[in-house]
Amino acid sequence: MAVQPDYQIIFQNKMIQANVGVIVNVLEDHMDVMGPTLDEVAEAFTATIPYNGHLVTIESEYLDYFKEVAEERNTKVIVADNSRISEEFLRKFDYMVFPDNASLALAVAEALGIDEETAFRGMLNAHPDPGAMRITRFADQSKPAFFVNGFAANDPSSTLRIWERVDDFGYSNLAPIVIMNCRPDRVDRTEQFARDVLPYIKAEIVIAIGETTAPITSAFEKGDIPTQEYWNLEGWSTSEIMSRMPP
């Protein structure tokens, strides 16, 4: 994954020279190097659009823009179609898959000339990414708790979609505990989550871990985060954090 726009140009035009390019989405992530606005992010992504090949992407406000660039490069655009993905199919995975994920893979298969049946079978047999969003059940069987691993989500939109998707799956959202991992090299992301994510999740406890948790603490003290309890565990070790967690 090349984040720097110059690296994207080098990876595509000098190294990989892919004839099938995929633009998954244009979201507020890595804005410090691709921003400052989503328009610049979209412009940076055009470096990955191949010449004389295929571009696979989703419906978005930047679709027409991507189509214009693709046309200039004699590249066919395939727009992923979520209507081809059933909820029944998504529930066959042992980790959380969003319709966009599956429809993009199906569109790539189309670009490669792979039939739909083979594509669906391949998705189910593929090894998931190590950061795949899994839901782990633990604690008492009669009153289970669930750990939702959403740490791979780097932007507000994706994080809130995970929260909504968990609810769609019917998992209990009573007395949720939200763990926010803060990184010293991503203070802007911490500020973004304090402003655009945590105020919209009604958690019983919000726990800030990692480093540079000040933006979360400040938002809580201002009353912007609707939680009954806030634990600032900045600098705590994993074992110390686990010892503090409720049984």
C-alpha atoms as a PDB file:
ATOM      1  CA  MET A   1       0.000   0.000   0.000  1.00  0.00           C
ATOM      2  CA  ALA A   2       1.624   3.193  -1.184  1.00  0.00           C
ATOM      3  CA  VAL A   3       0.220   6.200   0.646  1.00  0.00           C
ATOM      4  CA  GLN A   4       2.490   8.913  -0.700  1.00  0.00           C
ATOM      5  CA  PRO A   5       1.122  10.069  -4.088  1.00  0.00           C
ATOM      6  CA  ASP A   6       4.619  10.019  -5.618  1.00  0.00           C
ATOM      7  CA  TYR A   7       5.064   6.420  -4.493  1.00  0.00           C
ATOM      8  CA  GLN A   8       1.733   5.478  -6.072  1.00  0.00           C
ATOM      9  CA  ILE A   9       2.959   6.807  -9.401  1.00  0.00           C
ATOM     10  CA  ILE A  10       6.218   4.872  -9.116  1.00  0.00           C
ATOM     11  CA  PHE A  11       4.555   1.637  -7.994  1.00  0.00           C
ATOM     12  CA  GLN A  12       2.050   1.683 -10.861  1.00  0.00           C
ATOM     13  CA  ASN A  13       4.061   3.133 -13.742  1.00  0.00           C
ATOM     14  CA  LYS A  14       7.579   1.883 -12.964  1.00  0.00           C
ATOM     15  CA  MET A  15       7.220  -1.282 -10.903  1.00  0.00           C
ATOM     16  CA  ILE A  16       3.915  -3.171 -10.946  1.00  0.00           C
ATOM     17  CA  GLN A  17       2.361  -1.784 -14.140  1.00  0.00           C
ATOM     18  CA  ALA A  18      -0.927  -3.454 -13.298  1.00  0.00           C
ATOM     19  CA  ASN A  19      -3.557  -3.719 -16.043  1.00  0.00           C
ATOM     20  CA  VAL A  20      -6.382  -4.072 -13.494  1.00  0.00           C
ATOM     21  CA  GLY A  21      -6.640  -1.290 -10.917  1.00  0.00           C
ATOM     22  CA  VAL A  22      -9.032  -1.180  -7.968  1.00  0.00           C
ATOM     23  CA  ILE A  23     -10.085   1.999  -6.171  1.00  0.00           C
ATOM     24  CA  VAL A  24     -12.072   0.811  -3.162  1.00  0.00           C
ATOM     25  CA  ASN A  25     -13.184   4.150  -1.756  1.00  0.00           C
ATOM     26  CA  VAL A  26     -12.160   7.738  -1.069  1.00  0.00           C
ATOM     27  CA  LEU A  27     -12.234   8.313   2.677  1.00  0.00           C
ATOM     28  CA  GLU A  28     -10.649  10.606   5.247  1.00  0.00           C
ATOM     29  CA  ASP A  29      -7.559   8.548   5.945  1.00  0.00           C
ATOM     30  CA  HIS A  30      -3.880   9.545   5.636  1.00  0.00           C
ATOM     31  CA  MET A  31      -5.010  13.089   4.973  1.00  0.00           C
ATOM     32  CA  ASP A  32      -1.628  14.381   6.132  1.00  0.00           C
ATOM     33  CA  VAL A  33       0.039  13.008   2.996  1.00  0.00           C
ATOM     34  CA  MET A  34      -2.818  12.723   0.483  1.00  0.00           C
ATOM     35  CA  GLY A  35      -5.056  15.608   1.602  1.00  0.00           C
ATOM     36  CA  PRO A  36      -5.905  18.102   2.865  1.00  0.00           C
ATOM     37  CA  THR A  37      -9.304  17.399   1.231  1.00  0.00           C
ATOM     38  CA  LEU A  38     -10.975  14.362  -0.315  1.00  0.00           C
ATOM     39  CA  ASP A  39     -10.561  15.945  -3.748  1.00  0.00           C
ATOM     40  CA  GLU A  40      -6.784  15.644  -3.402  1.00  0.00           C
ATOM     41  CA  VAL A  41      -7.144  12.051  -2.191  1.00  0.00           C
ATOM     42  CA  ALA A  42      -9.199  11.183  -5.274  1.00  0.00           C
ATOM     43  CA  GLU A  43      -6.654  12.910  -7.498  1.00  0.00           C
ATOM     44  CA  ALA A  44      -3.837  10.922  -5.873  1.00  0.00           C
ATOM     45  CA  PHE A  45      -5.690   7.663  -6.521  1.00  0.00           C
ATOM     46  CA  THR A  46      -5.862   8.359 -10.251  1.00  0.00           C
ATOM     47  CA  ALA A  47      -2.153   7.510 -10.420  1.00  0.00           C
ATOM     48  CA  THR A  48      -3.178   3.870 -10.006  1.00  0.00           C
ATOM     49  CA  ILE A  49      -5.597   3.865 -12.969  1.00  0.00           C
ATOM     50  CA  PRO A  50      -3.909   1.743 -15.652  1.00  0.00           C
ATOM     51  CA  TYR A  51      -3.551   2.407 -19.364  1.00  0.00           C
ATOM     52  CA  ASN A  52      -5.357   0.037 -21.741  1.00  0.00           C
ATOM     53  CA  GLY A  53      -6.754  -2.043 -18.900  1.00  0.00           C
ATOM     54  CA  HIS A  54      -9.577  -2.151 -16.377  1.00  0.00           C
ATOM     55  CA  LEU A  55     -10.518   0.067 -13.453  1.00  0.00           C
ATOM     56  CA  VAL A  56     -12.748  -1.486 -10.789  1.00  0.00           C
ATOM     57  CA  THR A  57     -14.432   0.853  -8.326  1.00  0.00           C
ATOM     58  CA  ILE A  58     -17.709   1.567  -6.528  1.00  0.00           C
ATOM     59  CA  GLU A  59     -20.483   4.133  -6.890  1.00  0.00           C
ATOM     60  CA  SER A  60     -19.242   7.368  -5.347  1.00  0.00           C
ATOM     61  CA  GLU A  61     -19.192  11.102  -5.864  1.00  0.00           C
ATOM     62  CA  TYR A  62     -15.855  10.664  -7.647  1.00  0.00           C
ATOM     63  CA  LEU A  63     -17.015   7.977 -10.093  1.00  0.00           C
ATOM     64  CA  ASP A  64     -17.455  10.382 -13.025  1.00  0.00           C
ATOM     65  CA  TYR A  65     -14.016  11.843 -12.351  1.00  0.00           C
ATOM     66  CA  PHE A  66     -12.421   8.395 -12.359  1.00  0.00           C
ATOM     67  CA  LYS A  67     -14.306   7.535 -15.558  1.00  0.00           C
ATOM     68  CA  GLU A  68     -12.900  10.636 -17.289  1.00  0.00           C
ATOM     69  CA  VAL A  69      -9.333   9.694 -16.386  1.00  0.00           C
ATOM     70  CA  ALA A  70      -9.916   6.061 -17.390  1.00  0.00           C
ATOM     71  CA  GLU A  71     -11.317   7.122 -20.772  1.00  0.00           C
ATOM     72  CA  GLU A  72      -8.217   9.221 -21.432  1.00  0.00           C
ATOM     73  CA  ARG A  73      -6.140   6.091 -20.756  1.00  0.00           C
ATOM     74  CA  ASN A  74      -8.292   3.774 -22.870  1.00  0.00           C
ATOM     75  CA  THR A  75      -9.274   1.828 -19.769  1.00  0.00           C
ATOM     76  CA  LYS A  76     -12.645   0.137 -19.203  1.00  0.00           C
ATOM     77  CA  VAL A  77     -14.438   0.978 -15.951  1.00  0.00           C
ATOM     78  CA  ILE A  78     -16.332  -1.752 -14.089  1.00  0.00           C
ATOM     79  CA  VAL A  79     -18.550  -0.445 -11.281  1.00  0.00           C
ATOM     80  CA  ALA A  80     -19.101  -2.966  -8.490  1.00  0.00           C
ATOM     81  CA  ASP A  81     -22.764  -3.889  -8.051  1.00  0.00           C
ATOM     82  CA  ASN A  82     -23.829  -4.649  -4.474  1.00  0.00           C
ATOM     83  CA  SER A  83     -27.178  -6.012  -5.649  1.00  0.00           C
ATOM     84  CA  ARG A  84     -25.308  -9.115  -6.822  1.00  0.00           C
ATOM     85  CA  ILE A  85     -24.261  -9.869  -3.228  1.00  0.00           C
ATOM     86  CA  SER A  86     -26.840 -11.500  -0.964  1.00  0.00           C
ATOM     87  CA  GLU A  87     -26.906 -11.250   2.813  1.00  0.00           C
ATOM     88  CA  GLU A  88     -26.985 -15.050   2.882  1.00  0.00           C
ATOM     89  CA  PHE A  89     -23.636 -15.156   1.071  1.00  0.00           C
ATOM     90  CA  LEU A  90     -22.016 -12.603   3.392  1.00  0.00           C
ATOM     91  CA  ARG A  91     -23.000 -14.631   6.453  1.00  0.00           C
ATOM     92  CA  LYS A  92     -21.078 -17.651   5.142  1.00  0.00           C
ATOM     93  CA  PHE A  93     -17.786 -15.976   6.078  1.00  0.00           C
ATOM     94  CA  ASP A  94     -16.365 -16.505   9.578  1.00  0.00           C
ATOM     95  CA  TYR A  95     -15.348 -12.841   9.669  1.00  0.00           C
ATOM     96  CA  MET A  96     -17.224  -9.670   8.805  1.00  0.00           C
ATOM     97  CA  VAL A  97     -17.484  -8.861   5.104  1.00  0.00           C
ATOM     98  CA  PHE A  98     -19.271  -5.803   3.760  1.00  0.00           C
ATOM     99  CA  PRO A  99     -21.210  -5.873   0.472  1.00  0.00           C
ATOM    100  CA  ASP A 100     -18.678  -3.498  -1.127  1.00  0.00           C
ATOM    101  CA  ASN A 101     -15.830  -5.914  -0.364  1.00  0.00           C
ATOM    102  CA  ALA A 102     -17.514  -8.837  -2.079  1.00  0.00           C
ATOM    103  CA  SER A 103     -18.892  -6.873  -5.043  1.00  0.00           C
ATOM    104  CA  LEU A 104     -15.452  -5.395  -5.748  1.00  0.00           C
ATOM    105  CA  ALA A 105     -13.924  -8.872  -5.767  1.00  0.00           C
ATOM    106  CA  LEU A 106     -16.686 -10.040  -8.094  1.00  0.00           C
ATOM    107  CA  ALA A 107     -16.001  -7.114 -10.418  1.00  0.00           C
ATOM    108  CA  VAL A 108     -12.289  -7.960 -10.491  1.00  0.00           C
ATOM    109  CA  ALA A 109     -13.219 -11.533 -11.399  1.00  0.00           C
ATOM    110  CA  GLU A 110     -15.302 -10.144 -14.253  1.00  0.00           C
ATOM    111  CA  ALA A 111     -12.307  -8.145 -15.505  1.00  0.00           C
ATOM    112  CA  LEU A 112     -10.239 -11.349 -15.450  1.00  0.00           C
ATOM    113  CA  GLY A 113     -12.870 -13.412 -17.228  1.00  0.00           C
ATOM    114  CA  ILE A 114     -13.715 -15.556 -14.200  1.00  0.00           C
ATOM    115  CA  ASP A 115     -17.305 -16.775 -13.971  1.00  0.00           C
ATOM    116  CA  GLU A 116     -19.495 -15.762 -11.036  1.00  0.00           C
ATOM    117  CA  GLU A 117     -19.808 -19.233  -9.479  1.00  0.00           C
ATOM    118  CA  THR A 118     -16.030 -19.677  -9.418  1.00  0.00           C
ATOM    119  CA  ALA A 119     -15.575 -16.179  -8.007  1.00  0.00           C
ATOM    120  CA  PHE A 120     -18.002 -16.770  -5.128  1.00  0.00           C
ATOM    121  CA  ARG A 121     -16.352 -20.088  -4.308  1.00  0.00           C
ATOM    122  CA  GLY A 122     -12.917 -18.484  -4.384  1.00  0.00           C
ATOM    123  CA  MET A 123     -13.960 -15.727  -1.976  1.00  0.00           C
ATOM    124  CA  LEU A 124     -15.174 -18.253   0.577  1.00  0.00           C
ATOM    125  CA  ASN A 125     -11.969 -20.308   0.281  1.00  0.00           C
ATOM    126  CA  ALA A 126      -9.565 -17.358   0.388  1.00  0.00           C
ATOM    127  CA  HIS A 127      -7.451 -16.844   3.505  1.00  0.00           C
ATOM    128  CA  PRO A 128      -8.536 -13.615   5.239  1.00  0.00           C
ATOM    129  CA  ASP A 129      -6.204 -10.731   5.950  1.00  0.00           C
ATOM    130  CA  PRO A 130      -4.636 -10.927   9.447  1.00  0.00           C
ATOM    131  CA  GLY A 131      -6.535  -7.773  10.345  1.00  0.00           C
ATOM    132  CA  ALA A 132      -9.908  -9.153   9.238  1.00  0.00           C
ATOM    133  CA  MET A 133     -12.806  -7.951  11.360  1.00  0.00           C
ATOM    134  CA  ARG A 134     -13.706 -10.924  13.535  1.00  0.00           C
ATOM    135  CA  ILE A 135     -16.189 -11.175  16.389  1.00  0.00           C
ATOM    136  CA  THR A 136     -14.977 -13.377  19.239  1.00  0.00           C
ATOM    137  CA  ARG A 137     -17.323 -14.854  21.833  1.00  0.00           C
ATOM    138  CA  PHE A 138     -16.072 -15.320  25.386  1.00  0.00           C
ATOM    139  CA  ALA A 139     -17.137 -15.271  29.058  1.00  0.00           C
ATOM    140  CA  ASP A 140     -20.088 -17.226  30.451  1.00  0.00           C
ATOM    141  CA  GLN A 141     -22.075 -19.204  27.877  1.00  0.00           C
ATOM    142  CA  SER A 142     -25.365 -18.219  29.492  1.00  0.00           C
ATOM    143  CA  LYS A 143     -24.422 -14.547  29.407  1.00  0.00           C
ATOM    144  CA  PRO A 144     -21.768 -14.220  26.716  1.00  0.00           C
ATOM    145  CA  ALA A 145     -19.741 -11.175  25.792  1.00  0.00           C
ATOM    146  CA  PHE A 146     -18.377 -10.451  22.341  1.00  0.00           C
ATOM    147  CA  PHE A 147     -15.124  -8.804  21.305  1.00  0.00           C
ATOM    148  CA  VAL A 148     -15.427  -6.966  17.994  1.00  0.00           C
ATOM    149  CA  ASN A 149     -11.988  -6.411  16.487  1.00  0.00           C
ATOM    150  CA  GLY A 150     -12.423  -3.160  14.611  1.00  0.00           C
ATOM    151  CA  PHE A 151      -8.861  -1.883  14.992  1.00  0.00           C
ATOM    152  CA  ALA A 152      -8.223  -2.130  11.246  1.00  0.00           C
ATOM    153  CA  ALA A 153     -10.740   0.669  10.582  1.00  0.00           C
ATOM    154  CA  ASN A 154      -8.766   3.891  10.233  1.00  0.00           C
ATOM    155  CA  ASP A 155     -11.486   6.386   9.432  1.00  0.00           C
ATOM    156  CA  PRO A 156     -14.821   7.475  10.963  1.00  0.00           C
ATOM    157  CA  SER A 157     -17.016   6.213   8.136  1.00  0.00           C
ATOM    158  CA  SER A 158     -15.635   2.669   8.223  1.00  0.00           C
ATOM    159  CA  THR A 159     -15.738   2.523  12.017  1.00  0.00           C
ATOM    160  CA  LEU A 160     -19.353   3.605  12.239  1.00  0.00           C
ATOM    161  CA  ARG A 161     -20.287   1.138   9.478  1.00  0.00           C
ATOM    162  CA  ILE A 162     -18.773  -1.650  11.595  1.00  0.00           C
ATOM    163  CA  TRP A 163     -20.848  -0.510  14.572  1.00  0.00           C
ATOM    164  CA  GLU A 164     -24.010  -0.547  12.448  1.00  0.00           C
ATOM    165  CA  ARG A 165     -23.126  -3.909  10.914  1.00  0.00           C
ATOM    166  CA  VAL A 166     -22.658  -5.518  14.327  1.00  0.00           C
ATOM    167  CA  ASP A 167     -26.133  -4.329  15.240  1.00  0.00           C
ATOM    168  CA  ASP A 168     -27.509  -5.702  11.948  1.00  0.00           C
ATOM    169  CA  PHE A 169     -26.074  -9.116  12.837  1.00  0.00           C
ATOM    170  CA  GLY A 170     -28.148  -9.128  16.015  1.00  0.00           C
ATOM    171  CA  TYR A 171     -25.338  -9.002  18.577  1.00  0.00           C
ATOM    172  CA  SER A 172     -26.238  -7.444  21.894  1.00  0.00           C
ATOM    173  CA  ASN A 173     -25.261  -3.807  22.197  1.00  0.00           C
ATOM    174  CA  LEU A 174     -26.155  -3.518  25.870  1.00  0.00           C
ATOM    175  CA  ALA A 175     -23.520  -1.817  28.016  1.00  0.00           C
ATOM    176  CA  PRO A 176     -20.824  -1.772  25.319  1.00  0.00           C
ATOM    177  CA  ILE A 177     -17.187  -1.068  26.131  1.00  0.00           C
ATOM    178  CA  VAL A 178     -15.227   0.825  23.478  1.00  0.00           C
ATOM    179  CA  ILE A 179     -11.432   0.594  23.409  1.00  0.00           C
ATOM    180  CA  MET A 180      -9.719   3.405  21.516  1.00  0.00           C
ATOM    181  CA  ASN A 181      -6.073   2.753  20.640  1.00  0.00           C
ATOM    182  CA  CYS A 182      -4.185   6.058  20.312  1.00  0.00           C
ATOM    183  CA  ARG A 183      -0.905   6.378  18.409  1.00  0.00           C
ATOM    184  CA  PRO A 184       1.634   9.166  18.875  1.00  0.00           C
ATOM    185  CA  ASP A 185       2.209   9.288  15.093  1.00  0.00           C
ATOM    186  CA  ARG A 186      -1.517   9.605  14.349  1.00  0.00           C
ATOM    187  CA  VAL A 187      -2.677  12.368  16.697  1.00  0.00           C
ATOM    188  CA  ASP A 188      -4.822  13.824  13.899  1.00  0.00           C
ATOM    189  CA  ARG A 189      -6.653  10.492  13.678  1.00  0.00           C
ATOM    190  CA  THR A 190      -7.248  10.483  17.442  1.00  0.00           C
ATOM    191  CA  GLU A 191      -8.687  14.001  17.201  1.00  0.00           C
ATOM    192  CA  GLN A 192     -10.870  12.881  14.297  1.00  0.00           C
ATOM    193  CA  PHE A 193     -12.271   9.902  16.224  1.00  0.00           C
ATOM    194  CA  ALA A 194     -12.893  12.080  19.285  1.00  0.00           C
ATOM    195  CA  ARG A 195     -14.901  14.422  17.078  1.00  0.00           C
ATOM    196  CA  ASP A 196     -16.563  12.166  14.488  1.00  0.00           C
ATOM    197  CA  VAL A 197     -16.861   8.662  16.010  1.00  0.00           C
ATOM    198  CA  LEU A 198     -17.050   8.439  19.800  1.00  0.00           C
ATOM    199  CA  PRO A 199     -19.847  11.035  20.158  1.00  0.00           C
ATOM    200  CA  TYR A 200     -22.061   8.745  18.031  1.00  0.00           C
ATOM    201  CA  ILE A 201     -21.484   5.517  19.962  1.00  0.00           C
ATOM    202  CA  LYS A 202     -23.365   5.221  23.247  1.00  0.00           C
ATOM    203  CA  ALA A 203     -20.849   3.242  25.274  1.00  0.00           C
ATOM    204  CA  GLU A 204     -21.030   2.402  28.934  1.00  0.00           C
ATOM    205  CA  ILE A 205     -17.248   2.642  29.207  1.00  0.00           C
ATOM    206  CA  VAL A 206     -14.737   4.260  26.837  1.00  0.00           C
ATOM    207  CA  ILE A 207     -11.150   3.147  27.391  1.00  0.00           C
ATOM    208  CA  ALA A 208      -8.271   5.080  25.847  1.00  0.00           C
ATOM    209  CA  ILE A 209      -5.022   3.125  25.504  1.00  0.00           C
ATOM    210  CA  GLY A 210      -1.694   3.683  23.779  1.00  0.00           C
ATOM    211  CA  GLU A 211      -0.092   7.121  23.695  1.00  0.00           C
ATOM    212  CA  THR A 212      -1.278  10.718  23.285  1.00  0.00           C
ATOM    213  CA  THR A 213      -4.802  10.137  24.569  1.00  0.00           C
ATOM    214  CA  ALA A 214      -5.313  13.835  25.364  1.00  0.00           C
ATOM    215  CA  PRO A 215      -7.833  14.488  22.531  1.00  0.00           C
ATOM    216  CA  ILE A 216     -10.116  11.741  23.895  1.00  0.00           C
ATOM    217  CA  THR A 217      -9.758  13.012  27.461  1.00  0.00           C
ATOM    218  CA  SER A 218     -10.518  16.568  26.358  1.00  0.00           C
ATOM    219  CA  ALA A 219     -13.638  15.506  24.428  1.00  0.00           C
ATOM    220  CA  PHE A 220     -14.900  13.537  27.438  1.00  0.00           C
ATOM    221  CA  GLU A 221     -14.326  16.432  29.820  1.00  0.00           C
ATOM    222  CA  LYS A 222     -16.278  18.719  27.476  1.00  0.00           C
ATOM    223  CA  GLY A 223     -19.206  16.291  27.553  1.00  0.00           C
ATOM    224  CA  ASP A 224     -18.877  15.388  23.864  1.00  0.00           C
ATOM    225  CA  ILE A 225     -18.611  11.633  24.462  1.00  0.00           C
ATOM    226  CA  PRO A 226     -21.826  10.026  25.801  1.00  0.00           C
ATOM    227  CA  THR A 227     -20.337   7.460  28.154  1.00  0.00           C
ATOM    228  CA  GLN A 228     -20.944   6.644  31.795  1.00  0.00           C
ATOM    229  CA  GLU A 229     -17.260   6.017  32.480  1.00  0.00           C
ATOM    230  CA  TYR A 230     -13.985   7.045  30.859  1.00  0.00           C
ATOM    231  CA  TRP A 231     -10.734   5.272  31.620  1.00  0.00           C
ATOM    232  CA  ASN A 232      -7.550   6.944  30.501  1.00  0.00           C
ATOM    233  CA  LEU A 233      -5.010   4.094  30.459  1.00  0.00           C
ATOM    234  CA  GLU A 234      -2.334   5.898  28.494  1.00  0.00           C
ATOM    235  CA  GLY A 235       1.011   4.121  28.760  1.00  0.00           C
ATOM    236  CA  TRP A 236      -0.401   1.018  30.451  1.00  0.00           C
ATOM    237  CA  SER A 237       0.958  -2.378  29.413  1.00  0.00           C
ATOM    238  CA  THR A 238      -1.296  -5.048  27.914  1.00  0.00           C
ATOM    239  CA  SER A 239      -1.290  -7.063  31.127  1.00  0.00           C
ATOM    240  CA  GLU A 240      -2.156  -3.972  33.181  1.00  0.00           C
ATOM    241  CA  ILE A 241      -5.033  -3.129  30.835  1.00  0.00           C
ATOM    242  CA  MET A 242      -6.393  -6.693  30.990  1.00  0.00           C
ATOM    243  CA  SER A 243      -6.249  -6.696  34.780  1.00  0.00           C
ATOM    244  CA  ARG A 244      -8.405  -3.550  34.826  1.00  0.00           C
ATOM    245  CA  MET A 245     -11.035  -4.887  32.430  1.00  0.00           C
ATOM    246  CA  PRO A 246     -14.403  -5.937  33.885  1.00  0.00           C
ATOM    247  CA  PRO A 247     -14.843  -9.708  34.428  1.00  0.00           C
END
